[in-house]
Amino acid sequence: MSHNVRMAPAYDFKLALTRVIEPTGGPGAKLATLEDAARFVGLMRPWRQARPHWDFAADLLLKAAQTKEESDIEMATAQMERALRVEGWL
């Protein structure tokens, strides 16, 4: 008997960002991995997380952790930098 069970995608949040980000504000310190960046966003107040630039950053972090593609990791890294600049934290 064969079962066609669909497994959930494997996410790898231990992957390094394409460059280390050092925010000057917000809920954290140096961001070196997808996990660091996801934790940074996760520690924000919900009203801040809901802002479009952070919502998009979270989506890109999830995509990068799932695909593990360098281009997706770069897109997530760049969006984290953009979101931090919007907040005045970079």
C-alpha atoms as a PDB file:
ATOM      1  CA  MET A   1       0.000   0.000   0.000  1.00  0.00           C
ATOM      2  CA  SER A   2       1.481   3.346  -0.948  1.00  0.00           C
ATOM      3  CA  HIS A   3       0.535   6.601   0.650  1.00  0.00           C
ATOM      4  CA  ASN A   4       0.951   9.854  -1.153  1.00  0.00           C
ATOM      5  CA  VAL A   5       1.526  12.007   1.915  1.00  0.00           C
ATOM      6  CA  ARG A   6       2.536  15.539   1.240  1.00  0.00           C
ATOM      7  CA  MET A   7       5.204  16.715   3.646  1.00  0.00           C
ATOM      8  CA  ALA A   8       5.338  20.298   4.826  1.00  0.00           C
ATOM      9  CA  PRO A   9       8.194  22.239   3.249  1.00  0.00           C
ATOM     10  CA  ALA A  10      11.427  22.216   5.217  1.00  0.00           C
ATOM     11  CA  TYR A  11      12.436  25.674   6.364  1.00  0.00           C
ATOM     12  CA  ASP A  12      16.087  26.461   7.131  1.00  0.00           C
ATOM     13  CA  PHE A  13      16.290  29.617   9.227  1.00  0.00           C
ATOM     14  CA  LYS A  14      19.953  28.927  10.097  1.00  0.00           C
ATOM     15  CA  LEU A  15      21.010  30.219   6.664  1.00  0.00           C
ATOM     16  CA  ALA A  16      23.150  33.352   6.714  1.00  0.00           C
ATOM     17  CA  LEU A  17      21.847  36.631   5.355  1.00  0.00           C
ATOM     18  CA  THR A  18      23.887  37.887   2.410  1.00  0.00           C
ATOM     19  CA  ARG A  19      25.425  40.459   4.768  1.00  0.00           C
ATOM     20  CA  VAL A  20      25.264  41.176   8.490  1.00  0.00           C
ATOM     21  CA  ILE A  21      22.836  43.933   9.438  1.00  0.00           C
ATOM     22  CA  GLU A  22      23.384  46.006  12.587  1.00  0.00           C
ATOM     23  CA  PRO A  23      20.197  47.928  13.454  1.00  0.00           C
ATOM     24  CA  THR A  24      20.528  51.047  15.573  1.00  0.00           C
ATOM     25  CA  GLY A  25      17.086  50.529  17.111  1.00  0.00           C
ATOM     26  CA  GLY A  26      14.297  48.031  17.547  1.00  0.00           C
ATOM     27  CA  PRO A  27      14.117  44.768  19.500  1.00  0.00           C
ATOM     28  CA  GLY A  28      17.491  43.257  18.782  1.00  0.00           C
ATOM     29  CA  ALA A  29      21.139  43.438  17.936  1.00  0.00           C
ATOM     30  CA  LYS A  30      23.177  42.121  15.022  1.00  0.00           C
ATOM     31  CA  LEU A  31      21.234  40.207  12.353  1.00  0.00           C
ATOM     32  CA  ALA A  32      23.370  37.505  10.715  1.00  0.00           C
ATOM     33  CA  THR A  33      20.892  34.740   9.835  1.00  0.00           C
ATOM     34  CA  LEU A  34      17.322  34.361   8.624  1.00  0.00           C
ATOM     35  CA  GLU A  35      16.531  33.252  12.171  1.00  0.00           C
ATOM     36  CA  ASP A  36      17.968  36.466  13.651  1.00  0.00           C
ATOM     37  CA  ALA A  37      15.915  38.556  11.214  1.00  0.00           C
ATOM     38  CA  ALA A  38      12.710  36.556  11.808  1.00  0.00           C
ATOM     39  CA  ARG A  39      13.155  36.832  15.583  1.00  0.00           C
ATOM     40  CA  PHE A  40      13.727  40.606  15.238  1.00  0.00           C
ATOM     41  CA  VAL A  41      10.427  41.004  13.363  1.00  0.00           C
ATOM     42  CA  GLY A  42       8.653  38.602  15.732  1.00  0.00           C
ATOM     43  CA  LEU A  43       9.639  40.615  18.806  1.00  0.00           C
ATOM     44  CA  MET A  44       8.027  43.795  17.479  1.00  0.00           C
ATOM     45  CA  ARG A  45       4.658  44.981  18.675  1.00  0.00           C
ATOM     46  CA  PRO A  46       1.837  43.666  16.434  1.00  0.00           C
ATOM     47  CA  TRP A  47       0.944  47.140  15.138  1.00  0.00           C
ATOM     48  CA  ARG A  48       4.507  47.570  13.886  1.00  0.00           C
ATOM     49  CA  GLN A  49       4.709  44.039  12.429  1.00  0.00           C
ATOM     50  CA  ALA A  50       1.577  44.814  10.419  1.00  0.00           C
ATOM     51  CA  ARG A  51       3.235  47.692   8.573  1.00  0.00           C
ATOM     52  CA  PRO A  52       3.633  46.784   4.891  1.00  0.00           C
ATOM     53  CA  HIS A  53       7.445  46.941   4.892  1.00  0.00           C
ATOM     54  CA  TRP A  54       7.696  44.490   7.823  1.00  0.00           C
ATOM     55  CA  ASP A  55       4.938  42.246   6.482  1.00  0.00           C
ATOM     56  CA  PHE A  56       6.790  42.008   3.155  1.00  0.00           C
ATOM     57  CA  ALA A  57      10.092  41.348   4.957  1.00  0.00           C
ATOM     58  CA  ALA A  58       8.468  38.472   6.891  1.00  0.00           C
ATOM     59  CA  ASP A  59       7.098  36.978   3.656  1.00  0.00           C
ATOM     60  CA  LEU A  60      10.532  37.152   2.022  1.00  0.00           C
ATOM     61  CA  LEU A  61      12.242  35.610   5.072  1.00  0.00           C
ATOM     62  CA  LEU A  62       9.836  32.662   4.912  1.00  0.00           C
ATOM     63  CA  LYS A  63      10.389  32.261   1.178  1.00  0.00           C
ATOM     64  CA  ALA A  64      14.180  32.355   1.588  1.00  0.00           C
ATOM     65  CA  ALA A  65      14.084  29.789   4.411  1.00  0.00           C
ATOM     66  CA  GLN A  66      11.966  27.518   2.241  1.00  0.00           C
ATOM     67  CA  THR A  67      13.764  27.795  -1.123  1.00  0.00           C
ATOM     68  CA  LYS A  68      17.285  28.259   0.288  1.00  0.00           C
ATOM     69  CA  GLU A  69      18.095  30.148  -2.939  1.00  0.00           C
ATOM     70  CA  GLU A  70      20.798  32.819  -2.758  1.00  0.00           C
ATOM     71  CA  SER A  71      18.619  35.241  -4.749  1.00  0.00           C
ATOM     72  CA  ASP A  72      15.737  34.834  -2.266  1.00  0.00           C
ATOM     73  CA  ILE A  73      18.104  35.313   0.681  1.00  0.00           C
ATOM     74  CA  GLU A  74      19.401  38.508  -0.945  1.00  0.00           C
ATOM     75  CA  MET A  75      15.842  39.774  -1.487  1.00  0.00           C
ATOM     76  CA  ALA A  76      15.017  39.110   2.185  1.00  0.00           C
ATOM     77  CA  THR A  77      18.236  40.790   3.343  1.00  0.00           C
ATOM     78  CA  ALA A  78      17.590  43.855   1.170  1.00  0.00           C
ATOM     79  CA  GLN A  79      13.981  44.142   2.392  1.00  0.00           C
ATOM     80  CA  MET A  80      15.116  43.943   6.017  1.00  0.00           C
ATOM     81  CA  GLU A  81      17.493  46.835   5.300  1.00  0.00           C
ATOM     82  CA  ARG A  82      14.717  48.842   3.590  1.00  0.00           C
ATOM     83  CA  ALA A  83      12.308  48.241   6.475  1.00  0.00           C
ATOM     84  CA  LEU A  84      14.951  49.254   9.009  1.00  0.00           C
ATOM     85  CA  ARG A  85      15.629  52.456   7.068  1.00  0.00           C
ATOM     86  CA  VAL A  86      11.912  53.288   7.018  1.00  0.00           C
ATOM     87  CA  GLU A  87      11.921  53.015  10.842  1.00  0.00           C
ATOM     88  CA  GLY A  88      15.131  55.061  11.129  1.00  0.00           C
ATOM     89  CA  TRP A  89      16.914  52.039  12.584  1.00  0.00           C
ATOM     90  CA  LEU A  90      19.710  51.713  10.013  1.00  0.00           C
END
